[in-house]
Amino acid sequence: MAEIVNLRAVRKTRERAKKRAEADENAARFGRTKALKALEKARAGKARDALDAHRREEPQG
């Protein structure tokens, strides 16, 4: 025999799991300390400077 399932409870459980996953994603994206933000900004700046150092000048013509 099939198991009887309360559809409302299944829907609520699914929605809770979806919200929890979204909250975890937001925490990972925005939940950084000031030191981590500064480190990330410094690394991005260093990478940008390294890329600019290898850039060729635009041909003028």
PDB file of N, CA and C in Angstrom:
ATOM      1  N   MET A   1       0.819  -1.183   0.000  1.00  0.00           N
ATOM      2  CA  MET A   1       0.000   0.000   0.000  1.00  0.00           C
ATOM      3  C   MET A   1       0.863   1.246   0.000  1.00  0.00           C
ATOM      4  N   ALA A   2       0.367   2.310  -0.582  1.00  0.00           N
ATOM      5  CA  ALA A   2       1.101   3.573  -0.632  1.00  0.00           C
ATOM      6  C   ALA A   2       1.004   4.297   0.709  1.00  0.00           C
ATOM      7  N   GLU A   3       2.023   5.061   0.991  1.00  0.00           N
ATOM      8  CA  GLU A   3       2.037   5.825   2.237  1.00  0.00           C
ATOM      9  C   GLU A   3       1.178   7.080   2.069  1.00  0.00           C
ATOM     10  N   ILE A   4       0.385   7.394   3.067  1.00  0.00           N
ATOM     11  CA  ILE A   4      -0.457   8.576   3.023  1.00  0.00           C
ATOM     12  C   ILE A   4       0.412   9.787   3.356  1.00  0.00           C
ATOM     13  N   VAL A   5       0.330  10.817   2.504  1.00  0.00           N
ATOM     14  CA  VAL A   5       1.175  11.985   2.648  1.00  0.00           C
ATOM     15  C   VAL A   5       0.301  13.222   2.751  1.00  0.00           C
ATOM     16  N   ASN A   6       0.613  14.076   3.716  1.00  0.00           N
ATOM     17  CA  ASN A   6      -0.077  15.342   3.847  1.00  0.00           C
ATOM     18  C   ASN A   6       0.599  16.321   2.896  1.00  0.00           C
ATOM     19  N   LEU A   7      -0.097  16.704   1.829  1.00  0.00           N
ATOM     20  CA  LEU A   7       0.494  17.550   0.799  1.00  0.00           C
ATOM     21  C   LEU A   7       0.879  18.918   1.330  1.00  0.00           C
ATOM     22  N   ARG A   8       0.117  19.441   2.268  1.00  0.00           N
ATOM     23  CA  ARG A   8       0.428  20.746   2.845  1.00  0.00           C
ATOM     24  C   ARG A   8       1.761  20.680   3.592  1.00  0.00           C
ATOM     25  N   ALA A   9       1.971  19.621   4.354  1.00  0.00           N
ATOM     26  CA  ALA A   9       3.224  19.465   5.101  1.00  0.00           C
ATOM     27  C   ALA A   9       4.407  19.286   4.155  1.00  0.00           C
ATOM     28  N   VAL A  10       4.214  18.561   3.080  1.00  0.00           N
ATOM     29  CA  VAL A  10       5.283  18.367   2.101  1.00  0.00           C
ATOM     30  C   VAL A  10       5.630  19.691   1.447  1.00  0.00           C
ATOM     31  N   ARG A  11       4.630  20.474   1.100  1.00  0.00           N
ATOM     32  CA  ARG A  11       4.853  21.776   0.477  1.00  0.00           C
ATOM     33  C   ARG A  11       5.611  22.698   1.434  1.00  0.00           C
ATOM     34  N   LYS A  12       5.197  22.728   2.689  1.00  0.00           N
ATOM     35  CA  LYS A  12       5.861  23.586   3.665  1.00  0.00           C
ATOM     36  C   LYS A  12       7.303  23.156   3.895  1.00  0.00           C
ATOM     37  N   THR A  13       7.549  21.866   3.940  1.00  0.00           N
ATOM     38  CA  THR A  13       8.910  21.355   4.117  1.00  0.00           C
ATOM     39  C   THR A  13       9.776  21.747   2.931  1.00  0.00           C
ATOM     40  N   ARG A  14       9.236  21.633   1.738  1.00  0.00           N
ATOM     41  CA  ARG A  14       9.977  21.997   0.523  1.00  0.00           C
ATOM     42  C   ARG A  14      10.292  23.493   0.516  1.00  0.00           C
ATOM     43  N   GLU A  15       9.315  24.327   0.901  1.00  0.00           N
ATOM     44  CA  GLU A  15       9.531  25.775   0.943  1.00  0.00           C
ATOM     45  C   GLU A  15      10.560  26.157   2.000  1.00  0.00           C
ATOM     46  N   ARG A  16      10.524  25.482   3.153  1.00  0.00           N
ATOM     47  CA  ARG A  16      11.515  25.753   4.195  1.00  0.00           C
ATOM     48  C   ARG A  16      12.920  25.417   3.711  1.00  0.00           C
ATOM     49  N   ALA A  17      13.049  24.295   3.024  1.00  0.00           N
ATOM     50  CA  ALA A  17      14.361  23.891   2.511  1.00  0.00           C
ATOM     51  C   ALA A  17      14.859  24.897   1.475  1.00  0.00           C
ATOM     52  N   LYS A  18      13.955  25.399   0.641  1.00  0.00           N
ATOM     53  CA  LYS A  18      14.323  26.388  -0.375  1.00  0.00           C
ATOM     54  C   LYS A  18      14.782  27.680   0.291  1.00  0.00           C
ATOM     55  N   LYS A  19      14.060  28.135   1.305  1.00  0.00           N
ATOM     56  CA  LYS A  19      14.431  29.363   2.009  1.00  0.00           C
ATOM     57  C   LYS A  19      15.753  29.189   2.752  1.00  0.00           C
ATOM     58  N   ARG A  20      15.958  28.026   3.331  1.00  0.00           N
ATOM     59  CA  ARG A  20      17.203  27.759   4.044  1.00  0.00           C
ATOM     60  C   ARG A  20      18.383  27.787   3.078  1.00  0.00           C
ATOM     61  N   ALA A  21      18.206  27.198   1.892  1.00  0.00           N
ATOM     62  CA  ALA A  21      19.279  27.197   0.898  1.00  0.00           C
ATOM     63  C   ALA A  21      19.574  28.624   0.432  1.00  0.00           C
ATOM     64  N   GLU A  22      18.542  29.412   0.234  1.00  0.00           N
ATOM     65  CA  GLU A  22      18.731  30.802  -0.178  1.00  0.00           C
ATOM     66  C   GLU A  22      19.432  31.602   0.920  1.00  0.00           C
ATOM     67  N   ALA A  23      19.064  31.360   2.168  1.00  0.00           N
ATOM     68  CA  ALA A  23      19.700  32.050   3.292  1.00  0.00           C
ATOM     69  C   ALA A  23      21.182  31.673   3.387  1.00  0.00           C
ATOM     70  N   ASP A  24      21.503  30.407   3.186  1.00  0.00           N
ATOM     71  CA  ASP A  24      22.898  29.972   3.214  1.00  0.00           C
ATOM     72  C   ASP A  24      23.695  30.633   2.100  1.00  0.00           C
ATOM     73  N   GLU A  25      23.076  30.735   0.921  1.00  0.00           N
ATOM     74  CA  GLU A  25      23.735  31.378  -0.215  1.00  0.00           C
ATOM     75  C   GLU A  25      24.004  32.857   0.084  1.00  0.00           C
ATOM     76  N   ASN A  26      23.017  33.541   0.654  1.00  0.00           N
ATOM     77  CA  ASN A  26      23.189  34.953   0.988  1.00  0.00           C
ATOM     78  C   ASN A  26      24.238  35.130   2.075  1.00  0.00           C
ATOM     79  N   ALA A  27      24.264  34.223   3.039  1.00  0.00           N
ATOM     80  CA  ALA A  27      25.263  34.307   4.099  1.00  0.00           C
ATOM     81  C   ALA A  27      26.667  34.150   3.522  1.00  0.00           C
ATOM     82  N   ALA A  28      26.814  33.269   2.564  1.00  0.00           N
ATOM     83  CA  ALA A  28      28.117  33.073   1.943  1.00  0.00           C
ATOM     84  C   ALA A  28      28.504  34.282   1.096  1.00  0.00           C
ATOM     85  N   ARG A  29      27.525  34.900   0.462  1.00  0.00           N
ATOM     86  CA  ARG A  29      27.813  36.020  -0.424  1.00  0.00           C
ATOM     87  C   ARG A  29      28.053  37.313   0.353  1.00  0.00           C
ATOM     88  N   PHE A  30      27.211  37.606   1.334  1.00  0.00           N
ATOM     89  CA  PHE A  30      27.258  38.896   2.008  1.00  0.00           C
ATOM     90  C   PHE A  30      27.800  38.820   3.427  1.00  0.00           C
ATOM     91  N   GLY A  31      27.929  37.645   3.983  1.00  0.00           N
ATOM     92  CA  GLY A  31      28.322  37.506   5.367  1.00  0.00           C
ATOM     93  C   GLY A  31      29.818  37.424   5.567  1.00  0.00           C
ATOM     94  N   ARG A  32      30.551  38.361   4.996  1.00  0.00           N
ATOM     95  CA  ARG A  32      32.001  38.352   5.129  1.00  0.00           C
ATOM     96  C   ARG A  32      32.426  39.428   6.119  1.00  0.00           C
ATOM     97  N   THR A  33      33.534  39.182   6.771  1.00  0.00           N
ATOM     98  CA  THR A  33      34.052  40.170   7.707  1.00  0.00           C
ATOM     99  C   THR A  33      34.720  41.308   6.934  1.00  0.00           C
ATOM    100  N   LYS A  34      34.993  42.377   7.651  1.00  0.00           N
ATOM    101  CA  LYS A  34      35.637  43.529   7.033  1.00  0.00           C
ATOM    102  C   LYS A  34      37.028  43.145   6.513  1.00  0.00           C
ATOM    103  N   ALA A  35      37.740  42.319   7.267  1.00  0.00           N
ATOM    104  CA  ALA A  35      39.073  41.881   6.861  1.00  0.00           C
ATOM    105  C   ALA A  35      39.010  41.054   5.575  1.00  0.00           C
ATOM    106  N   LEU A  36      38.027  40.179   5.469  1.00  0.00           N
ATOM    107  CA  LEU A  36      37.894  39.375   4.250  1.00  0.00           C
ATOM    108  C   LEU A  36      37.545  40.240   3.049  1.00  0.00           C
ATOM    109  N   LYS A  37      36.695  41.245   3.269  1.00  0.00           N
ATOM    110  CA  LYS A  37      36.342  42.158   2.180  1.00  0.00           C
ATOM    111  C   LYS A  37      37.575  42.931   1.711  1.00  0.00           C
ATOM    112  N   ALA A  38      38.394  43.396   2.660  1.00  0.00           N
ATOM    113  CA  ALA A  38      39.606  44.132   2.311  1.00  0.00           C
ATOM    114  C   ALA A  38      40.585  43.232   1.567  1.00  0.00           C
ATOM    115  N   LEU A  39      40.725  41.988   2.021  1.00  0.00           N
ATOM    116  CA  LEU A  39      41.615  41.047   1.358  1.00  0.00           C
ATOM    117  C   LEU A  39      41.155  40.775  -0.072  1.00  0.00           C
ATOM    118  N   GLU A  40      39.861  40.562  -0.237  1.00  0.00           N
ATOM    119  CA  GLU A  40      39.321  40.311  -1.575  1.00  0.00           C
ATOM    120  C   GLU A  40      39.532  41.517  -2.486  1.00  0.00           C
ATOM    121  N   LYS A  41      39.339  42.719  -1.945  1.00  0.00           N
ATOM    122  CA  LYS A  41      39.529  43.939  -2.733  1.00  0.00           C
ATOM    123  C   LYS A  41      40.991  44.082  -3.134  1.00  0.00           C
ATOM    124  N   ALA A  42      41.909  43.786  -2.211  1.00  0.00           N
ATOM    125  CA  ALA A  42      43.337  43.875  -2.508  1.00  0.00           C
ATOM    126  C   ALA A  42      43.738  42.862  -3.574  1.00  0.00           C
ATOM    127  N   ARG A  43      43.233  41.653  -3.464  1.00  0.00           N
ATOM    128  CA  ARG A  43      43.557  40.625  -4.471  1.00  0.00           C
ATOM    129  C   ARG A  43      43.015  41.007  -5.840  1.00  0.00           C
ATOM    130  N   ALA A  44      41.817  41.563  -5.884  1.00  0.00           N
ATOM    131  CA  ALA A  44      41.232  41.982  -7.159  1.00  0.00           C
ATOM    132  C   ALA A  44      42.052  43.121  -7.757  1.00  0.00           C
ATOM    133  N   GLY A  45      42.477  44.046  -6.920  1.00  0.00           N
ATOM    134  CA  GLY A  45      43.305  45.150  -7.410  1.00  0.00           C
ATOM    135  C   GLY A  45      44.630  44.670  -7.950  1.00  0.00           C
ATOM    136  N   LYS A  46      45.233  43.726  -7.259  1.00  0.00           N
ATOM    137  CA  LYS A  46      46.518  43.180  -7.709  1.00  0.00           C
ATOM    138  C   LYS A  46      46.349  42.456  -9.047  1.00  0.00           C
ATOM    139  N   ALA A  47      45.273  41.694  -9.184  1.00  0.00           N
ATOM    140  CA  ALA A  47      45.019  40.982 -10.444  1.00  0.00           C
ATOM    141  C   ALA A  47      44.769  41.970 -11.574  1.00  0.00           C
ATOM    142  N   ARG A  48      44.025  43.049 -11.280  1.00  0.00           N
ATOM    143  CA  ARG A  48      43.742  44.069 -12.297  1.00  0.00           C
ATOM    144  C   ARG A  48      45.036  44.767 -12.716  1.00  0.00           C
ATOM    145  N   ASP A  49      45.898  45.090 -11.736  1.00  0.00           N
ATOM    146  CA  ASP A  49      47.167  45.740 -12.049  1.00  0.00           C
ATOM    147  C   ASP A  49      48.066  44.835 -12.876  1.00  0.00           C
ATOM    148  N   ALA A  50      48.091  43.550 -12.570  1.00  0.00           N
ATOM    149  CA  ALA A  50      48.900  42.609 -13.337  1.00  0.00           C
ATOM    150  C   ALA A  50      48.403  42.511 -14.774  1.00  0.00           C
ATOM    151  N   LEU A  51      47.094  42.536 -14.940  1.00  0.00           N
ATOM    152  CA  LEU A  51      46.532  42.484 -16.286  1.00  0.00           C
ATOM    153  C   LEU A  51      46.847  43.760 -17.053  1.00  0.00           C
ATOM    154  N   ASP A  52      46.729  44.902 -16.382  1.00  0.00           N
ATOM    155  CA  ASP A  52      47.021  46.179 -17.038  1.00  0.00           C
ATOM    156  C   ASP A  52      48.499  46.295 -17.401  1.00  0.00           C
ATOM    157  N   ALA A  53      49.367  45.677 -16.623  1.00  0.00           N
ATOM    158  CA  ALA A  53      50.800  45.735 -16.904  1.00  0.00           C
ATOM    159  C   ALA A  53      51.140  45.001 -18.196  1.00  0.00           C
ATOM    160  N   HIS A  54      50.339  44.027 -18.578  1.00  0.00           N
ATOM    161  CA  HIS A  54      50.600  43.265 -19.794  1.00  0.00           C
ATOM    162  C   HIS A  54      49.818  43.782 -20.997  1.00  0.00           C
ATOM    163  N   ARG A  55      49.090  44.850 -20.797  1.00  0.00           N
ATOM    164  CA  ARG A  55      48.264  45.395 -21.885  1.00  0.00           C
ATOM    165  C   ARG A  55      49.132  46.160 -22.874  1.00  0.00           C
ATOM    166  N   ARG A  56      48.819  46.009 -24.120  1.00  0.00           N
ATOM    167  CA  ARG A  56      49.510  46.759 -25.156  1.00  0.00           C
ATOM    168  C   ARG A  56      48.793  48.079 -25.360  1.00  0.00           C
ATOM    169  N   GLU A  57      49.536  49.049 -25.856  1.00  0.00           N
ATOM    170  CA  GLU A  57      48.929  50.337 -26.136  1.00  0.00           C
ATOM    171  C   GLU A  57      48.028  50.232 -27.368  1.00  0.00           C
ATOM    172  N   GLU A  58      46.973  51.022 -27.371  1.00  0.00           N
ATOM    173  CA  GLU A  58      46.063  51.051 -28.512  1.00  0.00           C
ATOM    174  C   GLU A  58      46.786  51.658 -29.712  1.00  0.00           C
ATOM    175  N   PRO A  59      46.672  51.061 -30.897  1.00  0.00           N
ATOM    176  CA  PRO A  59      47.304  51.672 -32.075  1.00  0.00           C
ATOM    177  C   PRO A  59      46.599  52.993 -32.431  1.00  0.00           C
ATOM    178  N   GLN A  60      47.398  54.017 -32.665  1.00  0.00           N
ATOM    179  CA  GLN A  60      46.824  55.312 -33.001  1.00  0.00           C
ATOM    180  C   GLN A  60      46.824  55.459 -34.507  1.00  0.00           C
ATOM    181  N   GLY A  61      45.706  55.864 -35.034  1.00  0.00           N
ATOM    182  CA  GLY A  61      45.701  55.957 -36.488  1.00  0.00           C
ATOM    183  C   GLY A  61      44.500  56.512 -37.015  1.00  0.00           C
TER     184      GLY A  61
END
